């Protein structure tokens, strides 16, 4: 009797503005999770972008993130079920160690972070993409959740958090528009959970309508 071929492992990319609830959704999904925020560049990297007209590092610009390393980790998880990832301290803007992520033979896992949409095309080309989702709660709600979280976790100084929060609140609609243009489906938490269930069951998620 011939054995069944192993079920290929695929990834759901979960993006959305900072503070939109990605980590909470990932935890509620019950799926293994790869934290894409651990692939930030370190604070002394000379390629880090700055906020226009400011000396602040723009941590919300894709140039502050190592997309190549993130794609390599996703590809390795899909191929072998395990990979080594950096441990990143946001308050220090530095890598403080390394960790092993082991998802075993699970057919589906989540990779979540604000830049996940940047690698939708790469994951699709590699044949490992199950779905790509963009969470959105609205600028005011997201601002409040983001500020309270970042303050509680001591991620940056209060003046920096206020400057960043105000800027991101004004930019939120354009952030969501960019992420959906890159291939992520904009949705709320309930719809996201439904699409995750469909992906876990091996069903294809509904195709997002393209704006005219």
N, C-alpha and C. Protein backbone atom coordinates (compact mmCIF):
# COMPACT_ATOMS: atom_id res chain seq x y z
N UNK A 1 0.84 -1.19 0.00
CA UNK A 1 0.00 0.00 0.00
C UNK A 1 0.89 1.25 0.00
N UNK A 2 0.70 2.15 -0.97
CA UNK A 2 1.54 3.33 -1.07
C UNK A 2 1.13 4.37 -0.03
N UNK A 3 2.12 5.06 0.49
CA UNK A 3 1.83 6.10 1.48
C UNK A 3 1.38 7.36 0.78
N UNK A 4 0.57 8.14 1.48
CA UNK A 4 0.10 9.42 0.94
C UNK A 4 1.22 10.44 0.97
N UNK A 5 1.34 11.25 -0.08
CA UNK A 5 2.37 12.29 -0.06
C UNK A 5 2.08 13.30 1.05
N UNK A 6 3.12 13.88 1.66
CA UNK A 6 2.88 14.85 2.74
C UNK A 6 2.14 16.07 2.22
N UNK A 7 1.29 16.62 3.08
CA UNK A 7 0.57 17.84 2.72
C UNK A 7 1.54 19.01 2.76
N UNK A 8 1.66 19.78 1.69
CA UNK A 8 2.60 20.90 1.70
C UNK A 8 2.21 21.97 2.71
N UNK A 9 3.19 22.56 3.33
CA UNK A 9 2.96 23.63 4.29
C UNK A 9 2.86 24.96 3.55
N UNK A 10 1.88 25.76 3.93
CA UNK A 10 1.70 27.07 3.32
C UNK A 10 1.55 28.13 4.42
N UNK A 11 1.64 29.38 4.01
CA UNK A 11 1.62 30.48 4.96
C UNK A 11 0.47 31.43 4.65
N UNK A 12 -0.13 31.97 5.70
CA UNK A 12 -1.05 33.10 5.59
C UNK A 12 -0.28 34.32 6.09
N UNK A 13 -0.14 35.32 5.23
CA UNK A 13 0.51 36.57 5.62
C UNK A 13 -0.53 37.51 6.22
N UNK A 14 -0.24 38.04 7.39
CA UNK A 14 -1.18 38.92 8.09
C UNK A 14 -0.52 40.28 8.32
N UNK A 15 -1.05 41.30 7.65
CA UNK A 15 -0.52 42.65 7.79
C UNK A 15 -1.61 43.58 8.30
N UNK A 16 -1.35 44.87 8.25
CA UNK A 16 -2.28 45.88 8.75
C UNK A 16 -1.49 46.94 9.47
N UNK A 17 -2.05 48.12 9.67
CA UNK A 17 -1.36 49.19 10.38
C UNK A 17 -0.94 48.74 11.78
N UNK A 18 0.13 49.32 12.28
CA UNK A 18 0.56 49.03 13.65
C UNK A 18 -0.57 49.35 14.62
N UNK A 19 -0.93 48.39 15.48
CA UNK A 19 -2.01 48.56 16.43
C UNK A 19 -3.35 48.05 15.96
N UNK A 20 -3.41 47.43 14.79
CA UNK A 20 -4.69 46.97 14.24
C UNK A 20 -5.16 45.64 14.83
N UNK A 21 -4.34 44.99 15.64
CA UNK A 21 -4.77 43.76 16.29
C UNK A 21 -4.21 42.49 15.67
N UNK A 22 -3.13 42.59 14.93
CA UNK A 22 -2.55 41.42 14.26
C UNK A 22 -2.11 40.34 15.24
N UNK A 23 -1.38 40.75 16.28
CA UNK A 23 -0.86 39.77 17.24
C UNK A 23 -1.98 39.08 18.01
N UNK A 24 -3.03 39.84 18.36
CA UNK A 24 -4.16 39.25 19.06
C UNK A 24 -4.89 38.24 18.18
N UNK A 25 -5.06 38.59 16.91
CA UNK A 25 -5.71 37.66 15.97
C UNK A 25 -4.86 36.42 15.78
N UNK A 26 -3.56 36.60 15.65
CA UNK A 26 -2.66 35.46 15.47
C UNK A 26 -2.75 34.51 16.66
N UNK A 27 -2.77 35.07 17.87
CA UNK A 27 -2.87 34.24 19.07
C UNK A 27 -4.20 33.50 19.12
N UNK A 28 -5.28 34.18 18.71
CA UNK A 28 -6.61 33.58 18.75
C UNK A 28 -6.79 32.51 17.68
N UNK A 29 -5.98 32.55 16.63
CA UNK A 29 -6.16 31.61 15.52
C UNK A 29 -5.80 30.17 15.88
N UNK A 30 -4.92 30.00 16.86
CA UNK A 30 -4.46 28.67 17.21
C UNK A 30 -3.40 28.12 16.27
N UNK A 31 -2.99 28.90 15.27
CA UNK A 31 -1.98 28.46 14.31
C UNK A 31 -0.58 28.81 14.80
N UNK A 32 0.45 28.08 14.36
CA UNK A 32 1.82 28.51 14.64
C UNK A 32 2.05 29.88 14.02
N UNK A 33 2.86 30.71 14.69
CA UNK A 33 3.04 32.10 14.26
C UNK A 33 4.51 32.42 14.09
N UNK A 34 4.84 33.06 12.97
CA UNK A 34 6.16 33.63 12.76
C UNK A 34 6.02 35.14 12.90
N UNK A 35 6.78 35.73 13.83
CA UNK A 35 6.72 37.17 14.08
C UNK A 35 7.65 37.89 13.10
N UNK A 36 7.06 38.58 12.14
CA UNK A 36 7.87 39.26 11.15
C UNK A 36 8.55 40.51 11.69
N UNK A 37 8.09 41.05 12.82
CA UNK A 37 8.74 42.20 13.42
C UNK A 37 10.16 41.88 13.90
N UNK A 38 10.48 40.58 14.06
CA UNK A 38 11.83 40.20 14.46
C UNK A 38 12.85 40.38 13.34
N UNK A 39 12.37 40.75 12.15
CA UNK A 39 13.29 40.95 11.02
C UNK A 39 13.56 42.43 10.74
N UNK A 40 13.28 43.30 11.72
CA UNK A 40 13.67 44.69 11.61
C UNK A 40 15.20 44.79 11.51
N UNK A 41 15.68 45.83 10.83
CA UNK A 41 17.10 46.13 10.83
C UNK A 41 17.47 46.75 12.18
N UNK A 42 18.74 46.66 12.52
CA UNK A 42 19.18 47.23 13.79
C UNK A 42 19.36 48.75 13.69
N UNK A 43 19.29 49.41 14.83
CA UNK A 43 19.25 50.86 14.87
C UNK A 43 20.47 51.56 14.32
N UNK A 44 21.61 50.84 14.21
CA UNK A 44 22.83 51.47 13.67
C UNK A 44 23.04 51.14 12.19
N UNK A 45 22.03 50.52 11.56
CA UNK A 45 22.14 50.18 10.14
C UNK A 45 22.10 51.47 9.31
N UNK A 46 23.11 51.72 8.47
CA UNK A 46 23.14 52.98 7.72
C UNK A 46 22.07 53.08 6.65
N UNK A 47 21.40 51.98 6.33
CA UNK A 47 20.37 52.02 5.28
C UNK A 47 18.99 52.36 5.84
N UNK A 48 18.88 52.58 7.14
CA UNK A 48 17.58 52.89 7.73
C UNK A 48 17.03 54.21 7.20
N UNK A 49 15.75 54.24 6.79
CA UNK A 49 15.16 55.49 6.29
C UNK A 49 14.77 56.41 7.43
N UNK A 50 14.72 57.70 7.15
CA UNK A 50 14.30 58.70 8.13
C UNK A 50 12.93 59.26 7.74
N UNK A 51 12.19 59.71 8.75
CA UNK A 51 10.94 60.42 8.50
C UNK A 51 11.28 61.73 7.80
N UNK A 52 10.54 62.04 6.74
CA UNK A 52 10.82 63.27 5.98
C UNK A 52 10.78 64.49 6.89
N UNK A 53 11.82 65.33 6.82
CA UNK A 53 11.89 66.54 7.62
C UNK A 53 12.16 66.32 9.08
N UNK A 54 12.70 65.12 9.44
CA UNK A 54 12.91 64.79 10.84
C UNK A 54 14.18 63.95 10.97
N UNK A 55 14.69 63.86 12.19
CA UNK A 55 15.82 62.98 12.47
C UNK A 55 15.37 61.62 12.99
N UNK A 56 14.04 61.41 13.10
CA UNK A 56 13.49 60.14 13.57
C UNK A 56 13.68 59.06 12.51
N UNK A 57 14.08 57.87 12.94
CA UNK A 57 14.08 56.73 12.03
C UNK A 57 12.63 56.37 11.71
N UNK A 58 12.37 56.09 10.45
CA UNK A 58 11.00 55.74 10.04
C UNK A 58 10.85 54.22 10.11
N UNK A 59 10.45 53.75 11.28
CA UNK A 59 10.28 52.31 11.49
C UNK A 59 9.04 51.77 10.80
N UNK A 60 8.24 52.63 10.18
CA UNK A 60 7.05 52.19 9.44
C UNK A 60 7.30 52.18 7.94
N UNK A 61 8.52 52.40 7.54
CA UNK A 61 8.90 52.33 6.13
C UNK A 61 9.46 50.93 5.85
N UNK A 62 9.08 50.31 4.74
CA UNK A 62 9.58 48.95 4.43
C UNK A 62 11.10 48.86 4.40
N UNK A 63 11.78 50.00 4.16
CA UNK A 63 13.24 49.99 4.14
C UNK A 63 13.86 49.75 5.50
N UNK A 64 13.07 49.77 6.57
CA UNK A 64 13.60 49.49 7.92
C UNK A 64 13.56 48.00 8.25
N UNK A 65 13.17 47.21 7.27
CA UNK A 65 12.88 45.78 7.51
C UNK A 65 13.63 44.92 6.50
N UNK A 66 14.08 43.74 6.92
CA UNK A 66 14.85 42.83 6.07
C UNK A 66 13.91 41.81 5.41
N UNK A 67 13.36 42.19 4.27
CA UNK A 67 12.40 41.33 3.57
C UNK A 67 13.03 40.02 3.12
N UNK A 68 14.28 40.07 2.67
CA UNK A 68 14.94 38.86 2.17
C UNK A 68 15.07 37.82 3.28
N UNK A 69 15.46 38.25 4.47
CA UNK A 69 15.59 37.32 5.59
C UNK A 69 14.24 36.73 5.97
N UNK A 70 13.19 37.55 5.92
CA UNK A 70 11.85 37.06 6.26
C UNK A 70 11.39 36.00 5.26
N UNK A 71 11.62 36.25 3.98
CA UNK A 71 11.22 35.28 2.95
C UNK A 71 12.01 33.98 3.11
N UNK A 72 13.29 34.07 3.42
CA UNK A 72 14.09 32.86 3.62
C UNK A 72 13.54 32.03 4.78
N UNK A 73 13.15 32.70 5.87
CA UNK A 73 12.62 31.98 7.02
C UNK A 73 11.29 31.30 6.68
N UNK A 74 10.43 32.00 5.94
CA UNK A 74 9.15 31.41 5.54
C UNK A 74 9.37 30.21 4.63
N UNK A 75 10.25 30.36 3.67
CA UNK A 75 10.53 29.26 2.74
C UNK A 75 11.08 28.04 3.48
N UNK A 76 11.95 28.29 4.47
CA UNK A 76 12.54 27.18 5.23
C UNK A 76 11.48 26.50 6.10
N UNK A 77 10.60 27.28 6.71
CA UNK A 77 9.52 26.68 7.49
C UNK A 77 8.62 25.80 6.62
N UNK A 78 8.31 26.30 5.42
CA UNK A 78 7.45 25.53 4.52
C UNK A 78 8.14 24.24 4.05
N UNK A 79 9.46 24.30 3.89
CA UNK A 79 10.19 23.15 3.36
C UNK A 79 10.56 22.13 4.44
N UNK A 80 10.91 22.63 5.65
CA UNK A 80 11.45 21.72 6.67
C UNK A 80 10.68 21.73 7.98
N UNK A 81 9.83 22.75 8.19
CA UNK A 81 9.09 22.84 9.45
C UNK A 81 9.84 23.54 10.56
N UNK A 82 11.05 24.03 10.27
CA UNK A 82 11.80 24.72 11.32
C UNK A 82 12.74 25.74 10.69
N UNK A 83 13.09 26.75 11.49
CA UNK A 83 14.04 27.77 11.03
C UNK A 83 14.57 28.53 12.24
N UNK A 84 15.68 29.20 12.04
CA UNK A 84 16.25 30.06 13.08
C UNK A 84 15.87 31.50 12.76
N UNK A 85 15.42 32.23 13.78
CA UNK A 85 15.01 33.62 13.59
C UNK A 85 15.70 34.50 14.62
N UNK A 86 15.92 35.77 14.29
CA UNK A 86 16.49 36.68 15.28
C UNK A 86 15.48 37.02 16.38
N UNK A 87 15.98 37.33 17.54
CA UNK A 87 15.16 37.87 18.64
C UNK A 87 15.44 39.37 18.67
N UNK A 88 14.41 40.16 18.41
CA UNK A 88 14.59 41.60 18.25
C UNK A 88 13.93 42.34 19.40
N UNK A 89 14.68 43.25 20.01
CA UNK A 89 14.16 44.10 21.10
C UNK A 89 13.79 45.45 20.51
N UNK A 90 12.50 45.75 20.42
CA UNK A 90 12.05 47.00 19.82
C UNK A 90 12.49 48.21 20.62
N UNK A 91 12.58 48.08 21.94
CA UNK A 91 12.98 49.23 22.76
C UNK A 91 14.45 49.58 22.54
N UNK A 92 15.27 48.59 22.16
CA UNK A 92 16.70 48.81 21.93
C UNK A 92 17.02 48.97 20.44
N UNK A 93 16.04 48.64 19.58
CA UNK A 93 16.27 48.63 18.13
C UNK A 93 17.47 47.74 17.80
N UNK A 94 17.48 46.55 18.40
CA UNK A 94 18.64 45.68 18.25
C UNK A 94 18.24 44.21 18.34
N UNK A 95 19.02 43.39 17.65
CA UNK A 95 18.89 41.94 17.77
C UNK A 95 19.64 41.50 19.02
N UNK A 96 18.95 40.77 19.89
CA UNK A 96 19.55 40.38 21.17
C UNK A 96 19.84 38.89 21.25
N UNK A 97 19.55 38.15 20.19
CA UNK A 97 19.80 36.72 20.22
C UNK A 97 19.17 36.04 19.02
N UNK A 98 19.00 34.73 19.12
CA UNK A 98 18.37 33.96 18.06
C UNK A 98 17.47 32.91 18.70
N UNK A 99 16.47 32.49 17.96
CA UNK A 99 15.52 31.51 18.48
C UNK A 99 15.19 30.52 17.37
N UNK A 100 14.76 29.34 17.77
CA UNK A 100 14.35 28.33 16.82
C UNK A 100 12.82 28.29 16.76
N UNK A 101 12.27 28.37 15.58
CA UNK A 101 10.83 28.20 15.38
C UNK A 101 10.62 26.83 14.76
N UNK A 102 9.82 26.02 15.41
CA UNK A 102 9.56 24.66 14.95
C UNK A 102 8.05 24.46 14.85
N UNK A 103 7.54 24.33 13.63
CA UNK A 103 6.10 24.15 13.44
C UNK A 103 5.75 22.71 13.09
N UNK A 104 6.75 21.83 13.07
CA UNK A 104 6.49 20.43 12.77
C UNK A 104 5.96 20.25 11.36
N UNK A 105 4.95 19.40 11.24
CA UNK A 105 4.39 19.09 9.91
C UNK A 105 3.03 19.76 9.70
N UNK A 106 2.76 20.82 10.44
CA UNK A 106 1.49 21.51 10.27
C UNK A 106 1.37 22.04 8.85
N UNK A 107 0.18 21.95 8.25
CA UNK A 107 0.03 22.40 6.86
C UNK A 107 -0.14 23.91 6.71
N UNK A 108 -0.28 24.64 7.83
CA UNK A 108 -0.55 26.07 7.73
C UNK A 108 0.02 26.80 8.93
N UNK A 109 0.62 27.97 8.67
CA UNK A 109 1.06 28.83 9.75
C UNK A 109 0.85 30.29 9.35
N UNK A 110 0.92 31.16 10.35
CA UNK A 110 0.75 32.60 10.14
C UNK A 110 2.10 33.31 10.22
N UNK A 111 2.30 34.27 9.34
CA UNK A 111 3.44 35.18 9.44
C UNK A 111 2.85 36.57 9.55
N UNK A 112 3.00 37.22 10.71
CA UNK A 112 2.32 38.50 10.93
C UNK A 112 3.30 39.62 11.21
N UNK A 113 2.96 40.80 10.65
CA UNK A 113 3.76 41.99 10.86
C UNK A 113 3.31 43.09 9.92
N UNK A 114 3.69 44.32 10.21
CA UNK A 114 3.18 45.44 9.42
C UNK A 114 3.69 45.43 7.99
N UNK A 115 4.78 44.69 7.72
CA UNK A 115 5.33 44.66 6.37
C UNK A 115 5.01 43.36 5.62
N UNK A 116 4.10 42.56 6.14
CA UNK A 116 3.83 41.26 5.51
C UNK A 116 3.39 41.40 4.06
N UNK A 117 2.68 42.46 3.73
CA UNK A 117 2.21 42.63 2.35
C UNK A 117 3.37 42.81 1.38
N UNK A 118 4.51 43.27 1.87
CA UNK A 118 5.66 43.50 1.00
C UNK A 118 6.19 42.21 0.38
N UNK A 119 5.85 41.06 0.97
CA UNK A 119 6.38 39.79 0.46
C UNK A 119 5.28 38.87 -0.09
N UNK A 120 4.10 39.43 -0.33
CA UNK A 120 3.01 38.62 -0.91
C UNK A 120 3.45 38.04 -2.25
N UNK A 121 3.99 38.89 -3.13
CA UNK A 121 4.37 38.42 -4.47
C UNK A 121 5.45 37.35 -4.39
N UNK A 122 6.44 37.53 -3.50
CA UNK A 122 7.51 36.55 -3.37
C UNK A 122 6.98 35.20 -2.90
N UNK A 123 6.10 35.23 -1.90
CA UNK A 123 5.55 33.97 -1.40
C UNK A 123 4.67 33.29 -2.44
N UNK A 124 3.95 34.09 -3.22
CA UNK A 124 3.14 33.52 -4.29
C UNK A 124 4.04 32.86 -5.34
N UNK A 125 5.12 33.52 -5.70
CA UNK A 125 6.06 32.96 -6.68
C UNK A 125 6.67 31.65 -6.18
N UNK A 126 6.92 31.55 -4.87
CA UNK A 126 7.49 30.34 -4.30
C UNK A 126 6.45 29.22 -4.14
N UNK A 127 5.16 29.55 -4.36
CA UNK A 127 4.11 28.55 -4.25
C UNK A 127 3.73 28.18 -2.84
N UNK A 128 4.00 29.09 -1.87
CA UNK A 128 3.73 28.77 -0.47
C UNK A 128 2.62 29.63 0.13
N UNK A 129 2.02 30.52 -0.66
CA UNK A 129 1.03 31.46 -0.12
C UNK A 129 -0.36 30.85 -0.09
N UNK A 130 -0.97 30.80 1.11
CA UNK A 130 -2.35 30.34 1.25
C UNK A 130 -3.32 31.52 1.19
N UNK A 131 -2.98 32.64 1.79
CA UNK A 131 -3.82 33.83 1.78
C UNK A 131 -2.99 34.99 2.33
N UNK A 132 -3.47 36.20 2.09
CA UNK A 132 -2.83 37.40 2.62
C UNK A 132 -3.93 38.33 3.09
N UNK A 133 -3.87 38.73 4.36
CA UNK A 133 -4.93 39.50 4.99
C UNK A 133 -4.38 40.81 5.55
N UNK A 134 -5.20 41.85 5.45
CA UNK A 134 -4.85 43.16 6.00
C UNK A 134 -5.93 43.57 6.99
N UNK A 135 -5.59 43.61 8.27
CA UNK A 135 -6.55 44.02 9.30
C UNK A 135 -6.68 45.54 9.33
N UNK A 136 -7.90 46.01 9.50
CA UNK A 136 -8.14 47.45 9.60
C UNK A 136 -9.26 47.71 10.59
N UNK A 137 -9.01 48.63 11.57
CA UNK A 137 -10.01 48.95 12.59
C UNK A 137 -10.47 50.39 12.54
N UNK A 138 -9.82 51.21 11.71
CA UNK A 138 -10.12 52.63 11.66
C UNK A 138 -9.04 53.42 12.38
N UNK A 139 -8.69 54.60 11.86
CA UNK A 139 -7.54 55.36 12.37
C UNK A 139 -7.58 55.70 13.85
N UNK A 140 -8.74 56.13 14.36
CA UNK A 140 -8.80 56.56 15.77
C UNK A 140 -8.63 55.37 16.71
N UNK A 141 -9.34 54.29 16.45
CA UNK A 141 -9.23 53.09 17.28
C UNK A 141 -7.80 52.54 17.25
N UNK A 142 -7.23 52.50 16.06
CA UNK A 142 -5.87 51.98 15.92
C UNK A 142 -4.87 52.86 16.66
N UNK A 143 -5.03 54.19 16.56
CA UNK A 143 -4.13 55.11 17.27
C UNK A 143 -4.16 54.83 18.78
N UNK A 144 -5.36 54.72 19.34
CA UNK A 144 -5.48 54.50 20.78
C UNK A 144 -4.85 53.18 21.21
N UNK A 145 -5.15 52.10 20.48
CA UNK A 145 -4.60 50.78 20.84
C UNK A 145 -3.09 50.76 20.69
N UNK A 146 -2.59 51.36 19.63
CA UNK A 146 -1.15 51.36 19.37
C UNK A 146 -0.40 52.13 20.46
N UNK A 147 -0.91 53.33 20.81
CA UNK A 147 -0.22 54.16 21.80
C UNK A 147 -0.19 53.48 23.16
N UNK A 148 -1.33 52.95 23.59
CA UNK A 148 -1.39 52.29 24.90
C UNK A 148 -0.49 51.05 24.95
N UNK A 149 -0.46 50.28 23.87
CA UNK A 149 0.40 49.10 23.81
C UNK A 149 1.87 49.49 23.86
N UNK A 150 2.25 50.45 23.02
CA UNK A 150 3.67 50.84 22.95
C UNK A 150 4.13 51.49 24.25
N UNK A 151 3.23 52.24 24.89
CA UNK A 151 3.56 52.85 26.18
C UNK A 151 3.74 51.77 27.24
N UNK A 152 2.83 50.83 27.27
CA UNK A 152 2.89 49.74 28.24
C UNK A 152 4.16 48.92 28.08
N UNK A 153 4.58 48.67 26.84
CA UNK A 153 5.74 47.82 26.58
C UNK A 153 7.05 48.61 26.54
N UNK A 154 6.96 49.94 26.69
CA UNK A 154 8.16 50.76 26.70
C UNK A 154 8.96 50.68 25.42
N UNK A 155 8.26 50.66 24.28
CA UNK A 155 8.96 50.44 23.01
C UNK A 155 9.85 51.61 22.62
N UNK A 156 9.37 52.83 22.82
CA UNK A 156 10.15 54.03 22.49
C UNK A 156 9.76 55.11 23.50
N UNK A 157 10.39 56.29 23.39
CA UNK A 157 10.06 57.39 24.29
C UNK A 157 8.66 57.91 24.00
N UNK A 158 8.03 58.54 25.01
CA UNK A 158 6.67 59.05 24.84
C UNK A 158 6.59 60.09 23.72
N UNK A 159 7.51 61.07 23.64
CA UNK A 159 7.43 62.03 22.52
C UNK A 159 7.50 61.34 21.16
N UNK A 160 8.37 60.34 21.03
CA UNK A 160 8.48 59.62 19.76
C UNK A 160 7.17 58.90 19.45
N UNK A 161 6.58 58.25 20.46
CA UNK A 161 5.34 57.52 20.24
C UNK A 161 4.20 58.45 19.82
N UNK A 162 4.16 59.64 20.41
CA UNK A 162 3.11 60.59 20.04
C UNK A 162 3.30 61.10 18.61
N UNK A 163 4.56 61.43 18.26
CA UNK A 163 4.82 61.89 16.89
C UNK A 163 4.49 60.79 15.89
N UNK A 164 4.92 59.59 16.18
CA UNK A 164 4.66 58.46 15.28
C UNK A 164 3.16 58.18 15.19
N UNK A 165 2.49 58.18 16.35
CA UNK A 165 1.06 57.86 16.35
C UNK A 165 0.24 58.85 15.55
N UNK A 166 0.54 60.13 15.70
CA UNK A 166 -0.19 61.16 14.96
C UNK A 166 0.05 61.00 13.46
N UNK A 167 1.31 60.73 13.09
CA UNK A 167 1.63 60.56 11.67
C UNK A 167 0.91 59.34 11.08
N UNK A 168 0.92 58.24 11.83
CA UNK A 168 0.30 57.02 11.32
C UNK A 168 -1.22 57.13 11.26
N UNK A 169 -1.80 57.88 12.20
CA UNK A 169 -3.25 58.06 12.15
C UNK A 169 -3.66 58.77 10.87
N UNK A 170 -2.88 59.79 10.48
CA UNK A 170 -3.18 60.52 9.25
C UNK A 170 -2.92 59.66 8.00
N UNK A 171 -1.99 58.71 8.13
CA UNK A 171 -1.59 57.91 6.97
C UNK A 171 -2.33 56.58 6.86
N UNK A 172 -3.17 56.25 7.84
CA UNK A 172 -3.70 54.88 7.90
C UNK A 172 -4.41 54.45 6.62
N UNK A 173 -5.24 55.29 6.06
CA UNK A 173 -5.98 54.88 4.86
C UNK A 173 -5.03 54.59 3.70
N UNK A 174 -3.96 55.39 3.59
CA UNK A 174 -3.00 55.14 2.51
C UNK A 174 -2.18 53.89 2.79
N UNK A 175 -1.93 53.58 4.06
CA UNK A 175 -1.22 52.35 4.42
C UNK A 175 -2.03 51.13 4.01
N UNK A 176 -3.32 51.15 4.34
CA UNK A 176 -4.19 50.02 3.96
C UNK A 176 -4.29 49.92 2.44
N UNK A 177 -4.39 51.06 1.77
CA UNK A 177 -4.47 51.05 0.30
C UNK A 177 -3.22 50.43 -0.31
N UNK A 178 -2.05 50.75 0.24
CA UNK A 178 -0.80 50.17 -0.28
C UNK A 178 -0.77 48.67 -0.07
N UNK A 179 -1.17 48.23 1.12
CA UNK A 179 -1.10 46.81 1.43
C UNK A 179 -2.08 45.99 0.59
N UNK A 180 -3.24 46.55 0.32
CA UNK A 180 -4.18 45.84 -0.54
C UNK A 180 -3.70 45.84 -1.99
N UNK A 181 -3.05 46.92 -2.41
CA UNK A 181 -2.50 46.96 -3.77
C UNK A 181 -1.40 45.91 -3.94
N UNK A 182 -0.71 45.57 -2.85
CA UNK A 182 0.34 44.55 -2.90
C UNK A 182 -0.22 43.13 -2.85
N UNK A 183 -1.54 43.02 -2.65
CA UNK A 183 -2.15 41.69 -2.71
C UNK A 183 -2.82 41.19 -1.45
N UNK A 184 -2.86 42.01 -0.39
CA UNK A 184 -3.53 41.60 0.84
C UNK A 184 -5.01 41.98 0.79
N UNK A 185 -5.85 41.16 1.39
CA UNK A 185 -7.30 41.40 1.41
C UNK A 185 -7.66 42.16 2.68
N UNK A 186 -8.20 43.37 2.55
CA UNK A 186 -8.60 44.17 3.72
C UNK A 186 -9.85 43.58 4.36
N UNK A 187 -9.81 43.40 5.68
CA UNK A 187 -10.95 42.78 6.36
C UNK A 187 -10.90 43.10 7.85
N UNK A 188 -12.02 42.84 8.53
CA UNK A 188 -12.04 42.98 9.98
C UNK A 188 -11.69 41.63 10.61
N UNK A 189 -11.70 41.59 11.94
CA UNK A 189 -11.28 40.38 12.65
C UNK A 189 -12.14 39.17 12.30
N UNK A 190 -13.46 39.36 12.25
CA UNK A 190 -14.35 38.22 12.01
C UNK A 190 -14.13 37.62 10.62
N UNK A 191 -14.00 38.49 9.63
CA UNK A 191 -13.77 37.97 8.28
C UNK A 191 -12.41 37.29 8.20
N UNK A 192 -11.42 37.86 8.87
CA UNK A 192 -10.09 37.26 8.87
C UNK A 192 -10.13 35.86 9.47
N UNK A 193 -10.86 35.69 10.56
CA UNK A 193 -10.95 34.36 11.18
C UNK A 193 -11.63 33.37 10.23
N UNK A 194 -12.63 33.84 9.50
CA UNK A 194 -13.29 32.98 8.54
C UNK A 194 -12.37 32.55 7.42
N UNK A 195 -11.55 33.46 6.94
CA UNK A 195 -10.61 33.12 5.87
C UNK A 195 -9.50 32.21 6.37
N UNK A 196 -9.09 32.38 7.62
CA UNK A 196 -8.11 31.48 8.20
C UNK A 196 -8.67 30.06 8.31
N UNK A 197 -9.94 29.96 8.71
CA UNK A 197 -10.57 28.65 8.80
C UNK A 197 -10.63 27.99 7.42
N UNK A 198 -10.95 28.78 6.40
CA UNK A 198 -11.00 28.24 5.04
C UNK A 198 -9.63 27.76 4.60
N UNK A 199 -8.60 28.54 4.91
CA UNK A 199 -7.24 28.14 4.53
C UNK A 199 -6.82 26.88 5.26
N UNK A 200 -7.17 26.77 6.55
CA UNK A 200 -6.81 25.59 7.33
C UNK A 200 -7.51 24.34 6.80
N UNK A 201 -8.70 24.53 6.25
CA UNK A 201 -9.45 23.41 5.69
C UNK A 201 -9.05 23.10 4.25
N UNK A 202 -8.11 23.89 3.73
CA UNK A 202 -7.66 23.65 2.36
C UNK A 202 -8.56 24.24 1.31
N UNK A 203 -9.49 25.14 1.73
CA UNK A 203 -10.38 25.77 0.77
C UNK A 203 -9.79 27.08 0.32
N UNK A 204 -10.05 27.44 -0.91
CA UNK A 204 -9.58 28.71 -1.45
C UNK A 204 -10.46 29.85 -0.95
N UNK A 205 -9.82 30.90 -0.47
CA UNK A 205 -10.58 32.07 -0.01
C UNK A 205 -11.19 32.79 -1.18
N UNK A 206 -12.31 33.49 -0.96
CA UNK A 206 -12.93 34.24 -2.08
C UNK A 206 -11.93 35.23 -2.67
N UNK A 207 -11.98 35.39 -3.96
CA UNK A 207 -11.08 36.32 -4.64
C UNK A 207 -11.54 37.75 -4.38
N UNK A 208 -10.60 38.59 -3.95
CA UNK A 208 -10.95 39.99 -3.67
C UNK A 208 -11.30 40.69 -4.96
N UNK A 209 -12.32 41.55 -4.91
CA UNK A 209 -12.70 42.31 -6.09
C UNK A 209 -11.69 43.41 -6.35
N UNK A 210 -11.37 43.60 -7.59
CA UNK A 210 -10.43 44.64 -7.98
C UNK A 210 -11.18 45.91 -8.30
N UNK A 211 -10.72 47.01 -7.73
CA UNK A 211 -11.41 48.27 -7.97
C UNK A 211 -11.23 48.68 -9.43
N UNK A 212 -12.27 49.29 -9.98
CA UNK A 212 -12.19 49.72 -11.38
C UNK A 212 -11.29 50.93 -11.49
